[in-house]
Amino acid sequence: MSLEDWREKKDILRCNPNFHNNPRYDCVVINTEPITFARLQFVFRCEDLSGGKSDLALVRLFENSKWKPTTRWDGYRILGGKGYQFVSLKYLVRGCHLIPTFEKQEGRYYLNDLVDGDAVVRFYLNKHN
């Protein structure tokens, strides 16, 4: 549910090695303590012996980077790769937008919290910073 206009909306996320001839692995916000950002790598459904089903995602986690850009601004946040983990899909809050820093060392991203009108990302960032 959108915290901006209180309407139900779908957030379509992709993790596909061949999405229109290019890989596409969307980034997500995970509802953990503290809030975690990750890139979807694979989504699948598991079934146990009793027939119970669970939807899981393999994600690449991000953590706050100690690297500092030459140009800084209030509220900027840089994330770097941390490792991989399995997460239940019920903990994925929504997609998020990460922008590569375009530095020599790959794997660092600016968190773009200005891309959509929904306040949920800013709410979580303010709550956990």
Protein backbone atom coordinates (compact mmCIF):
# COMPACT_ATOMS: atom_id res chain seq x y z
CA MET A 1 0.00 0.00 0.00
CA SER A 2 1.33 3.40 -0.95
CA LEU A 3 2.03 5.66 2.02
CA GLU A 4 1.50 8.67 -0.25
CA ASP A 5 -2.05 8.10 -1.50
CA TRP A 6 -3.03 4.91 0.42
CA ARG A 7 -3.86 2.94 -2.73
CA GLU A 8 -2.84 -0.63 -3.41
CA LYS A 9 -0.18 -0.84 -6.13
CA LYS A 10 2.00 -3.52 -7.64
CA ASP A 11 5.77 -3.15 -7.67
CA ILE A 12 7.01 -5.35 -10.53
CA LEU A 13 10.57 -6.52 -9.89
CA ARG A 14 12.78 -8.38 -12.30
CA CYS A 15 15.73 -10.72 -12.01
CA ASN A 16 16.50 -12.00 -15.47
CA PRO A 17 19.86 -12.72 -17.14
CA ASN A 18 18.29 -12.02 -20.57
CA PHE A 19 15.72 -9.20 -20.35
CA HIS A 20 15.49 -7.79 -23.90
CA ASN A 21 19.01 -9.08 -24.59
CA ASN A 22 20.47 -7.47 -21.45
CA PRO A 23 20.72 -8.68 -17.85
CA ARG A 24 18.35 -7.00 -15.41
CA TYR A 25 18.58 -7.51 -11.66
CA ASP A 26 16.39 -5.01 -9.82
CA CYS A 27 17.25 -3.67 -6.39
CA VAL A 28 14.93 -3.95 -3.38
CA VAL A 29 14.37 -2.69 0.14
CA ILE A 30 14.21 -5.52 2.68
CA ASN A 31 12.28 -5.07 5.91
CA THR A 32 14.92 -6.03 8.46
CA GLU A 33 16.42 -4.19 11.42
CA PRO A 34 18.12 -2.05 10.19
CA ILE A 35 16.56 -1.68 6.72
CA THR A 36 18.66 -3.50 4.12
CA PHE A 37 19.15 -2.86 0.41
CA ALA A 38 19.86 -5.72 -1.99
CA ARG A 39 19.90 -6.77 -5.65
CA LEU A 40 17.64 -9.66 -6.68
CA GLN A 41 19.60 -12.54 -8.19
CA PHE A 42 17.02 -15.33 -8.34
CA VAL A 43 13.44 -15.91 -7.17
CA PHE A 44 12.02 -19.39 -6.65
CA ARG A 45 9.38 -21.43 -4.81
CA CYS A 46 10.29 -24.24 -2.41
CA GLU A 47 7.95 -27.03 -1.36
CA ASP A 48 8.46 -29.11 1.78
CA LEU A 49 7.48 -32.76 2.22
CA SER A 50 4.06 -31.83 3.66
CA GLY A 51 3.21 -29.72 0.58
CA GLY A 52 3.82 -26.32 2.20
CA LYS A 53 5.24 -23.73 -0.20
CA SER A 54 7.61 -20.83 0.46
CA ASP A 55 8.70 -18.12 -1.97
CA LEU A 56 12.37 -17.20 -1.57
CA ALA A 57 14.86 -14.86 -3.20
CA LEU A 58 18.61 -15.07 -3.47
CA VAL A 59 19.84 -11.48 -3.04
CA ARG A 60 23.16 -9.69 -3.07
CA LEU A 61 23.19 -7.51 0.04
CA PHE A 62 24.54 -3.96 0.18
CA GLU A 63 26.01 -2.12 3.14
CA ASN A 64 27.05 1.48 3.70
CA SER A 65 30.38 2.16 2.00
CA LYS A 66 33.21 4.03 3.69
CA TRP A 67 34.25 5.48 0.33
CA LYS A 68 33.59 9.23 0.02
CA PRO A 69 32.94 10.98 -3.31
CA THR A 70 34.79 14.17 -4.27
CA THR A 71 31.50 16.08 -4.40
CA ARG A 72 29.33 15.58 -1.32
CA TRP A 73 25.80 16.74 -0.55
CA ASP A 74 23.43 16.52 2.40
CA GLY A 75 21.83 13.13 2.84
CA TYR A 76 23.89 11.24 0.24
CA ARG A 77 24.30 7.54 0.83
CA ILE A 78 26.74 5.19 -0.88
CA LEU A 79 26.30 1.42 -0.81
CA GLY A 80 28.75 -1.37 -1.62
CA GLY A 81 28.39 -5.12 -2.03
CA LYS A 82 28.38 -7.22 1.11
CA GLY A 83 27.50 -10.81 0.19
CA TYR A 84 24.65 -13.12 -0.71
CA GLN A 85 21.71 -14.33 1.35
CA PHE A 86 18.38 -16.13 1.00
CA VAL A 87 15.35 -14.01 2.00
CA SER A 88 11.64 -14.77 2.17
CA LEU A 89 9.71 -12.70 -0.40
CA LYS A 90 7.36 -11.50 2.32
CA TYR A 91 10.20 -9.29 3.66
CA LEU A 92 10.69 -7.40 0.38
CA VAL A 93 9.12 -3.95 0.88
CA ARG A 94 9.54 -2.54 -2.63
CA GLY A 95 12.02 -1.86 -5.39
CA CYS A 96 14.64 0.88 -5.11
CA HIS A 97 16.97 2.67 -7.51
CA LEU A 98 20.76 2.51 -7.17
CA ILE A 99 23.06 4.55 -9.43
CA PRO A 100 26.63 3.36 -10.13
CA THR A 101 29.29 5.78 -8.86
CA PHE A 102 31.26 5.31 -12.13
CA GLU A 103 34.54 5.20 -10.23
CA LYS A 104 37.44 2.91 -11.12
CA GLN A 105 36.37 0.33 -8.54
CA GLU A 106 33.00 -1.14 -9.47
CA GLY A 107 30.34 -2.20 -7.02
CA ARG A 108 29.58 1.12 -5.30
CA TYR A 109 26.24 2.84 -5.76
CA TYR A 110 24.45 6.04 -4.81
CA LEU A 111 21.03 5.40 -3.28
CA ASN A 112 18.47 7.42 -5.28
CA ASP A 113 15.60 8.22 -2.91
CA LEU A 114 14.16 10.97 -5.15
CA VAL A 115 12.93 8.87 -8.08
CA ASP A 116 9.28 8.31 -7.07
CA GLY A 117 6.58 10.11 -5.15
CA ASP A 118 5.94 7.32 -2.64
CA ALA A 119 7.25 8.30 0.78
CA VAL A 120 8.00 4.75 1.93
CA VAL A 121 11.71 4.81 1.01
CA ARG A 122 12.30 8.19 2.68
CA PHE A 123 10.28 7.04 5.69
CA TYR A 124 12.50 4.00 6.17
CA LEU A 125 15.70 5.97 5.56
CA ASN A 126 14.78 8.66 8.11
CA LYS A 127 13.63 6.08 10.64
CA HIS A 128 16.85 4.08 10.51
CA ASN A 129 19.56 6.71 10.11
